[in-house]
């Protein structure tokens, strides 16, 4: 009968001591943005409209969400924070993020048509 050797303690991570520095959190920029919104005391689109608008599936709804951000007083801070955090998706600061990258337009679901449809 052949047995495989067990892992030695040298190959396991040391969980008895906490790391030298706590892991960096991405919540701080959002907290700062929340504080800025509170300080302004004016309505901002992401707090006024349904949050689902900013995470919509439909390209038309995404464009609508982007348009809502254009007059927002914290637009630049929101966009900068989203870029720093590499937001995985949604409309932030008037831009669409997909997998942490700003993209110009959301593509409709499904495969693209093989032949262009005459309008």
N, C-alpha and C. Protein backbone atom coordinates (compact mmCIF):
# COMPACT_ATOMS: atom_id res chain seq x y z
N UNK A 1 0.84 -1.17 0.00
CA UNK A 1 0.00 0.00 0.00
C UNK A 1 0.89 1.24 0.00
N UNK A 2 0.61 2.17 -0.92
CA UNK A 2 1.42 3.38 -1.05
C UNK A 2 0.63 4.57 -0.51
N UNK A 3 1.24 5.35 0.33
CA UNK A 3 0.57 6.53 0.87
C UNK A 3 1.31 7.78 0.42
N UNK A 4 0.56 8.86 0.28
CA UNK A 4 1.20 10.13 -0.10
C UNK A 4 1.58 10.87 1.16
N UNK A 5 2.69 11.56 1.14
CA UNK A 5 3.11 12.30 2.33
C UNK A 5 2.16 13.46 2.60
N UNK A 6 1.96 13.76 3.85
CA UNK A 6 1.12 14.90 4.25
C UNK A 6 1.91 16.18 4.10
N UNK A 7 1.18 17.26 3.95
CA UNK A 7 1.84 18.57 3.84
C UNK A 7 2.55 18.88 5.15
N UNK A 8 3.72 19.43 5.04
CA UNK A 8 4.46 19.80 6.24
C UNK A 8 4.03 21.18 6.67
N UNK A 9 4.33 21.51 7.91
CA UNK A 9 3.97 22.83 8.41
C UNK A 9 4.69 23.94 7.66
N UNK A 10 5.81 23.63 7.02
CA UNK A 10 6.54 24.65 6.26
C UNK A 10 5.77 25.06 5.01
N UNK A 11 4.90 24.19 4.48
CA UNK A 11 4.17 24.52 3.26
C UNK A 11 2.83 25.21 3.54
N UNK A 12 2.43 25.27 4.80
CA UNK A 12 1.17 25.90 5.15
C UNK A 12 1.40 27.36 5.56
N UNK A 13 0.43 28.23 5.28
CA UNK A 13 0.61 29.62 5.71
C UNK A 13 0.54 29.74 7.22
N UNK A 14 1.26 30.71 7.75
CA UNK A 14 1.27 30.96 9.18
C UNK A 14 0.06 31.81 9.54
N UNK A 15 -0.93 31.21 10.15
CA UNK A 15 -2.16 31.91 10.51
C UNK A 15 -2.16 32.36 11.96
N UNK A 16 -1.08 32.12 12.67
CA UNK A 16 -1.04 32.47 14.09
C UNK A 16 -0.71 33.94 14.31
N UNK A 17 -0.06 34.58 13.33
CA UNK A 17 0.30 35.99 13.46
C UNK A 17 -0.43 36.80 12.40
N UNK A 18 -1.03 37.92 12.79
CA UNK A 18 -1.71 38.74 11.79
C UNK A 18 -0.69 39.37 10.85
N UNK A 19 -1.12 39.75 9.63
CA UNK A 19 -0.18 40.38 8.71
C UNK A 19 0.34 41.69 9.29
N UNK A 20 1.50 42.13 8.84
CA UNK A 20 2.13 43.35 9.36
C UNK A 20 1.22 44.56 9.15
N UNK A 21 0.55 44.64 8.02
CA UNK A 21 -0.37 45.74 7.75
C UNK A 21 -1.73 45.17 7.42
N UNK A 22 -2.79 45.83 7.84
CA UNK A 22 -4.11 45.33 7.47
C UNK A 22 -4.30 45.47 5.97
N UNK A 23 -5.11 44.62 5.36
CA UNK A 23 -5.31 44.72 3.92
C UNK A 23 -5.97 46.06 3.58
N UNK A 24 -5.58 46.60 2.42
CA UNK A 24 -6.13 47.88 1.98
C UNK A 24 -7.60 47.71 1.63
N UNK A 25 -8.41 48.65 2.04
CA UNK A 25 -9.83 48.57 1.75
C UNK A 25 -10.20 49.57 0.66
N UNK A 26 -11.17 49.23 -0.15
CA UNK A 26 -11.62 50.14 -1.19
C UNK A 26 -12.83 50.94 -0.72
N UNK A 27 -13.24 50.77 0.52
CA UNK A 27 -14.40 51.50 1.01
C UNK A 27 -14.11 52.95 1.34
N UNK A 28 -12.87 53.28 1.63
CA UNK A 28 -12.54 54.64 2.01
C UNK A 28 -12.92 55.65 0.95
N UNK A 29 -12.58 55.45 -0.34
CA UNK A 29 -12.99 56.44 -1.33
C UNK A 29 -14.51 56.61 -1.40
N UNK A 30 -15.25 55.53 -1.26
CA UNK A 30 -16.71 55.64 -1.27
C UNK A 30 -17.19 56.41 -0.06
N UNK A 31 -16.58 56.18 1.09
CA UNK A 31 -16.95 56.91 2.31
C UNK A 31 -16.67 58.40 2.14
N UNK A 32 -15.53 58.72 1.55
CA UNK A 32 -15.21 60.13 1.31
C UNK A 32 -16.21 60.76 0.35
N UNK A 33 -16.61 60.03 -0.66
CA UNK A 33 -17.59 60.54 -1.61
C UNK A 33 -18.94 60.73 -0.93
N UNK A 34 -19.32 59.78 -0.08
CA UNK A 34 -20.56 59.93 0.69
C UNK A 34 -20.52 61.18 1.56
N UNK A 35 -19.38 61.41 2.21
CA UNK A 35 -19.22 62.61 3.04
C UNK A 35 -19.36 63.88 2.20
N UNK A 36 -18.78 63.87 1.02
CA UNK A 36 -18.85 65.03 0.13
C UNK A 36 -20.31 65.29 -0.29
N UNK A 37 -21.03 64.24 -0.61
CA UNK A 37 -22.44 64.37 -0.99
C UNK A 37 -23.25 64.96 0.16
N UNK A 38 -23.01 64.46 1.36
CA UNK A 38 -23.71 64.99 2.54
C UNK A 38 -23.37 66.45 2.77
N UNK A 39 -22.10 66.79 2.61
CA UNK A 39 -21.66 68.17 2.83
C UNK A 39 -22.31 69.13 1.85
N UNK A 40 -22.46 68.70 0.58
CA UNK A 40 -23.07 69.56 -0.43
C UNK A 40 -24.53 69.86 -0.11
N UNK A 41 -25.22 68.86 0.40
CA UNK A 41 -26.62 69.05 0.74
C UNK A 41 -27.54 69.24 -0.46
N UNK A 42 -27.10 68.83 -1.64
CA UNK A 42 -27.94 68.91 -2.84
C UNK A 42 -28.20 67.50 -3.36
N UNK A 43 -29.32 67.31 -4.02
CA UNK A 43 -29.59 65.97 -4.54
C UNK A 43 -28.63 65.60 -5.67
N UNK A 44 -28.20 64.35 -5.66
CA UNK A 44 -27.36 63.82 -6.73
C UNK A 44 -28.12 62.66 -7.38
N UNK A 45 -27.93 62.45 -8.69
CA UNK A 45 -28.73 61.45 -9.40
C UNK A 45 -28.70 60.05 -8.79
N UNK A 46 -27.53 59.59 -8.35
CA UNK A 46 -27.44 58.22 -7.84
C UNK A 46 -28.19 58.04 -6.53
N UNK A 47 -28.53 59.13 -5.88
CA UNK A 47 -29.30 59.06 -4.63
C UNK A 47 -30.77 59.42 -4.87
N UNK A 48 -31.06 60.02 -6.02
CA UNK A 48 -32.41 60.46 -6.33
C UNK A 48 -33.17 59.41 -7.14
N UNK A 49 -32.49 58.81 -8.11
CA UNK A 49 -33.10 57.81 -8.99
C UNK A 49 -32.84 56.41 -8.45
N UNK A 50 -33.60 55.47 -8.98
CA UNK A 50 -33.43 54.06 -8.60
C UNK A 50 -32.00 53.62 -8.93
N UNK A 51 -31.28 53.06 -7.97
CA UNK A 51 -29.89 52.62 -8.24
C UNK A 51 -29.78 51.62 -9.38
N UNK A 52 -30.85 50.87 -9.64
CA UNK A 52 -30.82 49.89 -10.74
C UNK A 52 -30.55 50.56 -12.08
N UNK A 53 -30.91 51.83 -12.21
CA UNK A 53 -30.68 52.56 -13.46
C UNK A 53 -29.19 52.58 -13.79
N UNK A 54 -28.34 52.67 -12.78
CA UNK A 54 -26.90 52.78 -12.99
C UNK A 54 -26.22 51.43 -13.21
N UNK A 55 -27.01 50.36 -13.14
CA UNK A 55 -26.50 49.01 -13.37
C UNK A 55 -27.42 48.27 -14.34
N UNK A 56 -27.95 49.00 -15.30
CA UNK A 56 -28.96 48.47 -16.22
C UNK A 56 -28.34 47.52 -17.24
N UNK A 57 -29.17 46.65 -17.78
CA UNK A 57 -28.76 45.72 -18.82
C UNK A 57 -28.95 46.32 -20.21
N UNK A 58 -29.98 47.11 -20.38
CA UNK A 58 -30.32 47.66 -21.69
C UNK A 58 -29.38 48.82 -22.06
N UNK A 59 -28.86 48.82 -23.29
CA UNK A 59 -28.00 49.93 -23.72
C UNK A 59 -28.70 51.30 -23.61
N UNK A 60 -29.98 51.35 -23.90
CA UNK A 60 -30.71 52.63 -23.80
C UNK A 60 -30.77 53.11 -22.35
N UNK A 61 -30.98 52.20 -21.42
CA UNK A 61 -31.01 52.57 -19.99
C UNK A 61 -29.64 53.02 -19.51
N UNK A 62 -28.59 52.40 -20.01
CA UNK A 62 -27.22 52.80 -19.64
C UNK A 62 -26.95 54.22 -20.13
N UNK A 63 -27.37 54.52 -21.36
CA UNK A 63 -27.18 55.87 -21.89
C UNK A 63 -27.96 56.89 -21.08
N UNK A 64 -29.16 56.50 -20.61
CA UNK A 64 -29.96 57.38 -19.76
C UNK A 64 -29.22 57.66 -18.45
N UNK A 65 -28.67 56.62 -17.84
CA UNK A 65 -27.92 56.78 -16.59
C UNK A 65 -26.72 57.70 -16.80
N UNK A 66 -26.00 57.51 -17.90
CA UNK A 66 -24.85 58.37 -18.19
C UNK A 66 -25.28 59.82 -18.32
N UNK A 67 -26.45 60.05 -18.93
CA UNK A 67 -26.93 61.43 -19.10
C UNK A 67 -27.29 62.06 -17.75
N UNK A 68 -27.78 61.26 -16.82
CA UNK A 68 -28.13 61.78 -15.50
C UNK A 68 -26.90 62.31 -14.77
N UNK A 69 -25.76 61.70 -15.00
CA UNK A 69 -24.53 62.09 -14.31
C UNK A 69 -23.93 63.39 -14.83
N UNK A 70 -24.31 63.84 -15.99
CA UNK A 70 -23.65 64.98 -16.62
C UNK A 70 -23.72 66.26 -15.79
N UNK A 71 -24.78 66.45 -15.02
CA UNK A 71 -24.91 67.68 -14.22
C UNK A 71 -24.62 67.44 -12.73
N UNK A 72 -24.15 66.26 -12.39
CA UNK A 72 -23.90 65.93 -10.99
C UNK A 72 -22.70 66.71 -10.46
N UNK A 73 -22.83 67.32 -9.27
CA UNK A 73 -21.72 68.11 -8.72
C UNK A 73 -20.52 67.27 -8.27
N UNK A 74 -20.67 65.97 -8.09
CA UNK A 74 -19.55 65.12 -7.67
C UNK A 74 -19.12 64.16 -8.79
N UNK A 75 -19.48 64.50 -10.02
CA UNK A 75 -19.19 63.63 -11.16
C UNK A 75 -17.71 63.27 -11.26
N UNK A 76 -16.83 64.27 -11.21
CA UNK A 76 -15.40 64.00 -11.38
C UNK A 76 -14.84 63.13 -10.25
N UNK A 77 -15.26 63.41 -9.02
CA UNK A 77 -14.79 62.62 -7.88
C UNK A 77 -15.30 61.18 -7.98
N UNK A 78 -16.54 61.03 -8.42
CA UNK A 78 -17.14 59.70 -8.58
C UNK A 78 -16.37 58.91 -9.64
N UNK A 79 -16.10 59.55 -10.77
CA UNK A 79 -15.38 58.89 -11.85
C UNK A 79 -13.96 58.52 -11.42
N UNK A 80 -13.27 59.44 -10.77
CA UNK A 80 -11.90 59.17 -10.32
C UNK A 80 -11.87 58.01 -9.33
N UNK A 81 -12.82 57.99 -8.40
CA UNK A 81 -12.86 56.90 -7.42
C UNK A 81 -13.15 55.57 -8.08
N UNK A 82 -14.05 55.56 -9.06
CA UNK A 82 -14.37 54.32 -9.76
C UNK A 82 -13.17 53.80 -10.54
N UNK A 83 -12.41 54.71 -11.13
CA UNK A 83 -11.20 54.29 -11.85
C UNK A 83 -10.17 53.72 -10.87
N UNK A 84 -10.00 54.38 -9.73
CA UNK A 84 -9.05 53.89 -8.72
C UNK A 84 -9.45 52.51 -8.20
N UNK A 85 -10.75 52.30 -8.00
CA UNK A 85 -11.23 51.03 -7.47
C UNK A 85 -11.39 49.97 -8.55
N UNK A 86 -11.27 50.39 -9.82
CA UNK A 86 -11.53 49.50 -10.96
C UNK A 86 -12.88 48.82 -10.80
N UNK A 87 -13.91 49.67 -10.69
CA UNK A 87 -15.27 49.15 -10.52
C UNK A 87 -15.56 48.10 -11.59
N UNK A 88 -16.14 46.98 -11.19
CA UNK A 88 -16.34 45.90 -12.15
C UNK A 88 -17.41 46.22 -13.20
N UNK A 89 -18.43 47.00 -12.83
CA UNK A 89 -19.46 47.33 -13.81
C UNK A 89 -20.36 48.42 -13.29
N UNK A 90 -21.12 49.00 -14.20
CA UNK A 90 -22.07 50.05 -13.84
C UNK A 90 -21.64 51.41 -14.37
N UNK A 91 -22.53 52.37 -14.20
CA UNK A 91 -22.26 53.75 -14.60
C UNK A 91 -21.77 54.50 -13.38
N UNK A 92 -20.59 55.07 -13.50
CA UNK A 92 -19.94 55.83 -12.43
C UNK A 92 -19.41 57.13 -13.03
N UNK A 93 -19.80 58.26 -12.49
CA UNK A 93 -19.30 59.53 -12.99
C UNK A 93 -19.62 59.77 -14.46
N UNK A 94 -20.72 59.23 -14.93
CA UNK A 94 -21.13 59.43 -16.31
C UNK A 94 -20.45 58.54 -17.32
N UNK A 95 -19.71 57.55 -16.85
CA UNK A 95 -19.02 56.61 -17.75
C UNK A 95 -19.43 55.18 -17.40
N UNK A 96 -19.45 54.33 -18.41
CA UNK A 96 -19.80 52.92 -18.23
C UNK A 96 -18.53 52.11 -17.97
N UNK A 97 -18.56 51.35 -16.88
CA UNK A 97 -17.46 50.45 -16.54
C UNK A 97 -17.89 49.01 -16.80
N UNK A 98 -17.04 48.28 -17.47
CA UNK A 98 -17.22 46.84 -17.66
C UNK A 98 -15.88 46.20 -17.37
N UNK A 99 -15.85 45.33 -16.39
CA UNK A 99 -14.64 44.64 -15.94
C UNK A 99 -13.53 45.63 -15.59
N UNK A 100 -13.92 46.72 -14.91
CA UNK A 100 -12.94 47.68 -14.41
C UNK A 100 -12.41 48.67 -15.43
N UNK A 101 -12.94 48.65 -16.65
CA UNK A 101 -12.46 49.51 -17.71
C UNK A 101 -13.62 50.35 -18.24
N UNK A 102 -13.34 51.63 -18.55
CA UNK A 102 -14.36 52.49 -19.14
C UNK A 102 -14.55 52.08 -20.60
N UNK A 103 -15.82 51.88 -20.98
CA UNK A 103 -16.15 51.56 -22.38
C UNK A 103 -17.14 52.60 -22.87
N UNK A 104 -17.13 52.84 -24.17
CA UNK A 104 -17.96 53.89 -24.75
C UNK A 104 -19.45 53.54 -24.72
N UNK A 105 -19.78 52.35 -25.11
CA UNK A 105 -21.19 51.96 -25.21
C UNK A 105 -21.39 50.52 -24.76
N UNK A 106 -22.56 50.26 -24.24
CA UNK A 106 -22.91 48.89 -23.87
C UNK A 106 -23.47 48.18 -25.09
N UNK A 107 -22.98 47.01 -25.33
CA UNK A 107 -23.49 46.22 -26.45
C UNK A 107 -24.77 45.51 -26.03
N UNK A 108 -25.70 45.36 -26.98
CA UNK A 108 -26.90 44.59 -26.65
C UNK A 108 -26.54 43.13 -26.40
N UNK A 109 -27.41 42.44 -25.68
CA UNK A 109 -27.17 41.03 -25.39
C UNK A 109 -27.31 40.20 -26.66
N UNK A 110 -26.64 39.08 -26.69
CA UNK A 110 -26.75 38.16 -27.82
C UNK A 110 -25.65 38.38 -28.84
N UNK A 111 -25.68 37.56 -29.87
CA UNK A 111 -24.68 37.65 -30.93
C UNK A 111 -25.02 38.79 -31.87
N UNK A 112 -23.99 39.43 -32.42
CA UNK A 112 -24.27 40.46 -33.42
C UNK A 112 -24.84 39.83 -34.69
N UNK A 113 -25.61 40.59 -35.44
CA UNK A 113 -26.18 40.07 -36.69
C UNK A 113 -25.07 39.80 -37.69
N UNK A 114 -25.29 38.78 -38.52
CA UNK A 114 -24.32 38.45 -39.54
C UNK A 114 -24.30 39.51 -40.64
N UNK A 115 -25.48 39.91 -41.05
CA UNK A 115 -25.61 40.92 -42.10
C UNK A 115 -26.25 42.16 -41.50
N UNK A 116 -25.76 43.32 -41.91
CA UNK A 116 -26.33 44.58 -41.43
C UNK A 116 -27.77 44.69 -41.92
N UNK A 117 -28.64 45.20 -41.07
CA UNK A 117 -30.05 45.37 -41.44
C UNK A 117 -30.21 46.76 -42.02
N UNK A 118 -30.85 46.84 -43.17
CA UNK A 118 -31.09 48.15 -43.79
C UNK A 118 -32.11 48.91 -42.97
N UNK A 119 -31.83 50.18 -42.73
CA UNK A 119 -32.72 50.99 -41.90
C UNK A 119 -33.76 51.70 -42.70
